[in-house]
Amino acid sequence: MKVSLGTATAAAMADARGKWQVTLAAREAGGPFTLHVAGSSGATIQDVLVGEVWICSGQSNMEWPVAACVDLRPSGPRPISRRSATSRSSMSRRPNRKIR
């Protein structure tokens, strides 16, 4: 497998079960970038942003969608690029590799 994000590239071999992993060098926040994955099959993901990711969770009575925040002033020299997603609530006794 070969993966590229902007000018960074990495390669890996899949194991017997088809699992593989690559690590790209840390980079400054920015984007949007295009992520290319090539191998026996491939994929391209457009509009990828790099930077801080905040994951917030709590009890159901603490729910407050990010979209409801109206005063999102930048805390530094760059403007804030805000994206949000909501995942389905679920419980597990083991780590879950898939967020739905």
N, C-alpha and C. Protein backbone atom coordinates (compact mmCIF):
# COMPACT_ATOMS: atom_id res chain seq x y z
N MET A 1 0.84 -1.17 0.00
CA MET A 1 0.00 0.00 0.00
C MET A 1 0.89 1.24 0.00
N LYS A 2 0.43 2.26 -0.70
CA LYS A 2 1.13 3.54 -0.69
C LYS A 2 0.09 4.62 -0.38
N VAL A 3 0.44 5.50 0.55
CA VAL A 3 -0.46 6.56 0.97
C VAL A 3 0.24 7.89 0.77
N SER A 4 -0.48 8.88 0.26
CA SER A 4 0.09 10.22 0.15
C SER A 4 -0.95 11.24 0.62
N LEU A 5 -0.44 12.25 1.33
CA LEU A 5 -1.26 13.36 1.80
C LEU A 5 -0.46 14.61 1.48
N GLY A 6 -0.91 15.36 0.50
CA GLY A 6 -0.11 16.50 0.03
C GLY A 6 1.20 15.97 -0.53
N THR A 7 2.33 16.45 -0.02
CA THR A 7 3.63 15.99 -0.51
C THR A 7 4.21 14.85 0.33
N ALA A 8 3.57 14.50 1.44
CA ALA A 8 4.06 13.41 2.30
C ALA A 8 3.59 12.07 1.77
N THR A 9 4.47 11.07 1.81
CA THR A 9 4.11 9.72 1.37
C THR A 9 4.60 8.70 2.38
N ALA A 10 3.96 7.53 2.41
CA ALA A 10 4.37 6.41 3.25
C ALA A 10 3.88 5.13 2.59
N ALA A 11 4.55 4.02 2.90
CA ALA A 11 4.18 2.74 2.31
C ALA A 11 4.15 1.68 3.40
N ALA A 12 3.36 0.63 3.17
CA ALA A 12 3.25 -0.47 4.12
C ALA A 12 2.82 -1.72 3.38
N MET A 13 3.08 -2.86 4.00
CA MET A 13 2.63 -4.15 3.48
C MET A 13 1.44 -4.61 4.31
N ALA A 14 0.43 -5.14 3.66
CA ALA A 14 -0.72 -5.68 4.38
C ALA A 14 -0.35 -7.04 4.97
N ASP A 15 -0.94 -7.36 6.14
CA ASP A 15 -0.68 -8.67 6.74
C ASP A 15 -1.60 -9.71 6.11
N ALA A 16 -1.59 -10.92 6.62
CA ALA A 16 -2.37 -12.02 6.05
C ALA A 16 -3.87 -11.73 6.09
N ARG A 17 -4.31 -10.90 7.03
CA ARG A 17 -5.74 -10.57 7.12
C ARG A 17 -6.09 -9.32 6.33
N GLY A 18 -5.10 -8.72 5.67
CA GLY A 18 -5.35 -7.53 4.87
C GLY A 18 -5.24 -6.24 5.66
N LYS A 19 -4.82 -6.32 6.90
CA LYS A 19 -4.68 -5.11 7.74
C LYS A 19 -3.33 -4.45 7.47
N TRP A 20 -3.31 -3.14 7.47
CA TRP A 20 -2.09 -2.39 7.26
C TRP A 20 -2.20 -1.04 7.96
N GLN A 21 -1.06 -0.41 8.15
CA GLN A 21 -1.03 0.88 8.83
C GLN A 21 0.18 1.67 8.36
N VAL A 22 0.00 2.96 8.16
CA VAL A 22 1.12 3.85 7.83
C VAL A 22 1.11 5.02 8.80
N THR A 23 2.26 5.64 8.95
CA THR A 23 2.39 6.84 9.77
C THR A 23 3.04 7.92 8.93
N LEU A 24 2.38 9.05 8.84
CA LEU A 24 2.93 10.19 8.12
C LEU A 24 3.55 11.15 9.13
N ALA A 25 4.58 11.84 8.72
CA ALA A 25 5.26 12.81 9.59
C ALA A 25 4.29 13.91 10.01
N ALA A 26 4.49 14.44 11.21
CA ALA A 26 3.67 15.55 11.70
C ALA A 26 3.86 16.75 10.77
N ARG A 27 2.82 17.53 10.64
CA ARG A 27 2.89 18.71 9.79
C ARG A 27 2.10 19.84 10.41
N GLU A 28 2.32 21.03 9.91
CA GLU A 28 1.57 22.19 10.37
C GLU A 28 0.09 22.02 10.03
N ALA A 29 -0.75 22.64 10.83
CA ALA A 29 -2.18 22.62 10.54
C ALA A 29 -2.43 23.27 9.20
N GLY A 30 -3.37 22.75 8.45
CA GLY A 30 -3.70 23.35 7.16
C GLY A 30 -4.57 22.44 6.32
N GLY A 31 -4.64 22.77 5.07
CA GLY A 31 -5.45 22.04 4.13
C GLY A 31 -6.34 23.02 3.39
N PRO A 32 -7.22 22.54 2.61
CA PRO A 32 -7.55 21.14 2.43
C PRO A 32 -6.52 20.41 1.56
N PHE A 33 -6.32 19.13 1.88
CA PHE A 33 -5.42 18.25 1.15
C PHE A 33 -6.23 17.13 0.51
N THR A 34 -5.57 16.40 -0.36
CA THR A 34 -6.17 15.19 -0.93
C THR A 34 -5.36 14.01 -0.43
N LEU A 35 -6.06 13.01 0.09
CA LEU A 35 -5.44 11.78 0.59
C LEU A 35 -5.62 10.70 -0.48
N HIS A 36 -4.50 10.15 -0.95
CA HIS A 36 -4.54 9.07 -1.95
C HIS A 36 -4.05 7.78 -1.31
N VAL A 37 -4.77 6.69 -1.53
CA VAL A 37 -4.36 5.37 -1.07
C VAL A 37 -4.32 4.48 -2.30
N ALA A 38 -3.16 3.83 -2.53
CA ALA A 38 -3.00 2.98 -3.71
C ALA A 38 -2.50 1.60 -3.27
N GLY A 39 -3.00 0.59 -3.93
CA GLY A 39 -2.61 -0.79 -3.68
C GLY A 39 -3.31 -1.65 -4.71
N SER A 40 -3.76 -2.84 -4.30
CA SER A 40 -4.51 -3.67 -5.25
C SER A 40 -5.82 -2.98 -5.63
N SER A 41 -6.32 -2.13 -4.75
CA SER A 41 -7.41 -1.21 -5.06
C SER A 41 -7.01 0.13 -4.45
N GLY A 42 -7.72 1.16 -4.74
CA GLY A 42 -7.31 2.46 -4.23
C GLY A 42 -8.49 3.30 -3.82
N ALA A 43 -8.18 4.43 -3.22
CA ALA A 43 -9.21 5.37 -2.81
C ALA A 43 -8.60 6.77 -2.77
N THR A 44 -9.44 7.75 -2.98
CA THR A 44 -9.03 9.14 -2.88
C THR A 44 -10.05 9.86 -2.01
N ILE A 45 -9.55 10.58 -1.01
CA ILE A 45 -10.42 11.35 -0.12
C ILE A 45 -10.01 12.81 -0.27
N GLN A 46 -10.95 13.64 -0.65
CA GLN A 46 -10.66 15.06 -0.89
C GLN A 46 -11.04 15.88 0.34
N ASP A 47 -10.54 17.09 0.39
CA ASP A 47 -10.93 18.07 1.41
C ASP A 47 -10.56 17.61 2.83
N VAL A 48 -9.32 17.12 3.00
CA VAL A 48 -8.82 16.66 4.30
C VAL A 48 -8.11 17.83 4.99
N LEU A 49 -8.48 18.08 6.24
CA LEU A 49 -7.84 19.13 7.03
C LEU A 49 -6.93 18.48 8.06
N VAL A 50 -5.82 19.15 8.40
CA VAL A 50 -4.88 18.68 9.40
C VAL A 50 -4.81 19.71 10.51
N GLY A 51 -4.85 19.24 11.75
CA GLY A 51 -4.76 20.16 12.88
C GLY A 51 -5.31 19.52 14.13
N GLU A 52 -5.69 20.35 15.07
CA GLU A 52 -6.23 19.84 16.33
C GLU A 52 -7.59 19.22 16.10
N VAL A 53 -7.83 18.12 16.80
CA VAL A 53 -9.14 17.47 16.79
C VAL A 53 -9.60 17.38 18.23
N TRP A 54 -10.74 17.91 18.51
CA TRP A 54 -11.30 17.85 19.85
C TRP A 54 -12.47 16.89 19.83
N ILE A 55 -12.42 15.90 20.70
CA ILE A 55 -13.52 14.95 20.83
C ILE A 55 -14.15 15.21 22.18
N CYS A 56 -15.42 15.52 22.16
CA CYS A 56 -16.13 15.85 23.39
C CYS A 56 -17.21 14.82 23.64
N SER A 57 -17.33 14.43 24.87
CA SER A 57 -18.39 13.50 25.21
C SER A 57 -18.88 13.81 26.62
N GLY A 58 -19.97 13.23 26.98
CA GLY A 58 -20.51 13.44 28.31
C GLY A 58 -21.85 12.76 28.42
N GLN A 59 -22.54 13.08 29.46
CA GLN A 59 -23.86 12.50 29.67
C GLN A 59 -24.84 13.13 28.69
N SER A 60 -25.96 12.44 28.45
CA SER A 60 -26.92 12.95 27.47
C SER A 60 -27.45 14.32 27.85
N ASN A 61 -27.48 14.65 29.14
CA ASN A 61 -27.98 15.96 29.54
C ASN A 61 -26.94 17.06 29.32
N MET A 62 -25.75 16.69 28.83
CA MET A 62 -24.70 17.66 28.55
C MET A 62 -24.61 17.99 27.05
N GLU A 63 -25.53 17.49 26.27
CA GLU A 63 -25.45 17.64 24.82
C GLU A 63 -25.54 19.11 24.42
N TRP A 64 -24.57 19.56 23.62
CA TRP A 64 -24.56 20.92 23.09
C TRP A 64 -23.86 20.86 21.74
N PRO A 65 -24.60 20.93 20.64
CA PRO A 65 -23.98 20.83 19.32
C PRO A 65 -23.04 22.01 19.05
N VAL A 66 -21.91 21.74 18.43
CA VAL A 66 -20.95 22.78 18.09
C VAL A 66 -21.61 23.85 17.21
N ALA A 67 -22.53 23.43 16.36
CA ALA A 67 -23.22 24.37 15.47
C ALA A 67 -23.98 25.44 16.26
N ALA A 68 -24.30 25.16 17.53
CA ALA A 68 -25.02 26.14 18.34
C ALA A 68 -24.10 27.22 18.90
N CYS A 69 -22.79 27.06 18.76
CA CYS A 69 -21.83 28.06 19.24
C CYS A 69 -21.73 29.17 18.21
N VAL A 70 -22.05 30.38 18.59
CA VAL A 70 -22.04 31.49 17.64
C VAL A 70 -20.79 32.34 17.73
N ASP A 71 -20.06 32.29 18.83
CA ASP A 71 -18.90 33.14 19.02
C ASP A 71 -17.63 32.30 18.96
N LEU A 72 -17.16 31.98 17.76
CA LEU A 72 -15.97 31.16 17.58
C LEU A 72 -14.85 32.03 17.02
N ARG A 73 -14.29 32.86 17.86
CA ARG A 73 -13.19 33.72 17.44
C ARG A 73 -11.89 32.92 17.44
N PRO A 74 -11.02 33.18 16.49
CA PRO A 74 -9.74 32.47 16.47
C PRO A 74 -8.90 32.81 17.69
N SER A 75 -8.16 31.82 18.20
CA SER A 75 -7.29 32.07 19.36
C SER A 75 -5.86 32.30 18.92
N GLY A 76 -5.61 32.32 17.63
CA GLY A 76 -4.28 32.53 17.11
C GLY A 76 -4.32 33.29 15.81
N PRO A 77 -3.22 33.26 15.04
CA PRO A 77 -3.15 34.04 13.81
C PRO A 77 -4.00 33.48 12.67
N ARG A 78 -4.37 32.18 12.75
CA ARG A 78 -5.15 31.58 11.66
C ARG A 78 -6.64 31.58 12.00
N PRO A 79 -7.49 31.70 10.99
CA PRO A 79 -8.92 31.58 11.25
C PRO A 79 -9.26 30.13 11.61
N ILE A 80 -10.33 29.95 12.35
CA ILE A 80 -10.76 28.61 12.75
C ILE A 80 -11.51 27.96 11.60
N SER A 81 -11.17 26.73 11.29
CA SER A 81 -11.94 25.94 10.34
C SER A 81 -12.69 24.92 11.17
N ARG A 82 -13.97 25.04 11.22
CA ARG A 82 -14.77 24.23 12.12
C ARG A 82 -15.59 23.22 11.33
N ARG A 83 -15.47 21.98 11.71
CA ARG A 83 -16.31 20.92 11.16
C ARG A 83 -16.78 20.09 12.33
N SER A 84 -17.97 19.59 12.25
CA SER A 84 -18.45 18.76 13.34
C SER A 84 -19.16 17.53 12.78
N ALA A 85 -19.17 16.50 13.59
CA ALA A 85 -19.85 15.26 13.23
C ALA A 85 -20.45 14.69 14.50
N THR A 86 -21.51 13.99 14.36
CA THR A 86 -22.15 13.34 15.49
C THR A 86 -22.13 11.85 15.26
N SER A 87 -21.68 11.10 16.26
CA SER A 87 -21.65 9.65 16.12
C SER A 87 -22.81 9.04 16.89
N ARG A 88 -23.18 7.86 16.49
CA ARG A 88 -24.26 7.14 17.14
C ARG A 88 -23.79 6.73 18.54
N SER A 89 -24.65 6.84 19.50
CA SER A 89 -24.31 6.46 20.87
C SER A 89 -24.26 4.93 20.97
N SER A 90 -23.19 4.42 21.57
CA SER A 90 -23.07 2.98 21.74
C SER A 90 -22.17 2.68 22.93
N MET A 91 -22.26 1.46 23.43
CA MET A 91 -21.43 1.03 24.55
C MET A 91 -20.67 -0.22 24.13
N SER A 92 -19.48 -0.39 24.69
CA SER A 92 -18.67 -1.56 24.37
C SER A 92 -17.71 -1.83 25.52
N ARG A 93 -17.43 -3.09 25.78
CA ARG A 93 -16.45 -3.45 26.80
C ARG A 93 -15.03 -3.46 26.23
N ARG A 94 -14.94 -3.37 24.88
CA ARG A 94 -13.64 -3.34 24.20
C ARG A 94 -13.54 -2.10 23.36
N PRO A 95 -12.32 -1.66 23.05
CA PRO A 95 -12.19 -0.50 22.15
C PRO A 95 -12.86 -0.78 20.82
N ASN A 96 -13.53 0.22 20.29
CA ASN A 96 -14.23 0.09 19.02
C ASN A 96 -13.44 0.81 17.95
N ARG A 97 -13.03 0.11 16.90
CA ARG A 97 -12.24 0.71 15.83
C ARG A 97 -13.09 1.44 14.80
N LYS A 98 -14.41 1.23 14.84
CA LYS A 98 -15.29 1.88 13.87
C LYS A 98 -16.25 2.81 14.59
N ILE A 99 -16.22 4.07 14.21
CA ILE A 99 -17.17 5.04 14.73
C ILE A 99 -18.26 5.19 13.70
N ARG A 100 -19.48 5.04 14.13
CA ARG A 100 -20.60 5.13 13.18
C ARG A 100 -21.39 6.37 13.43
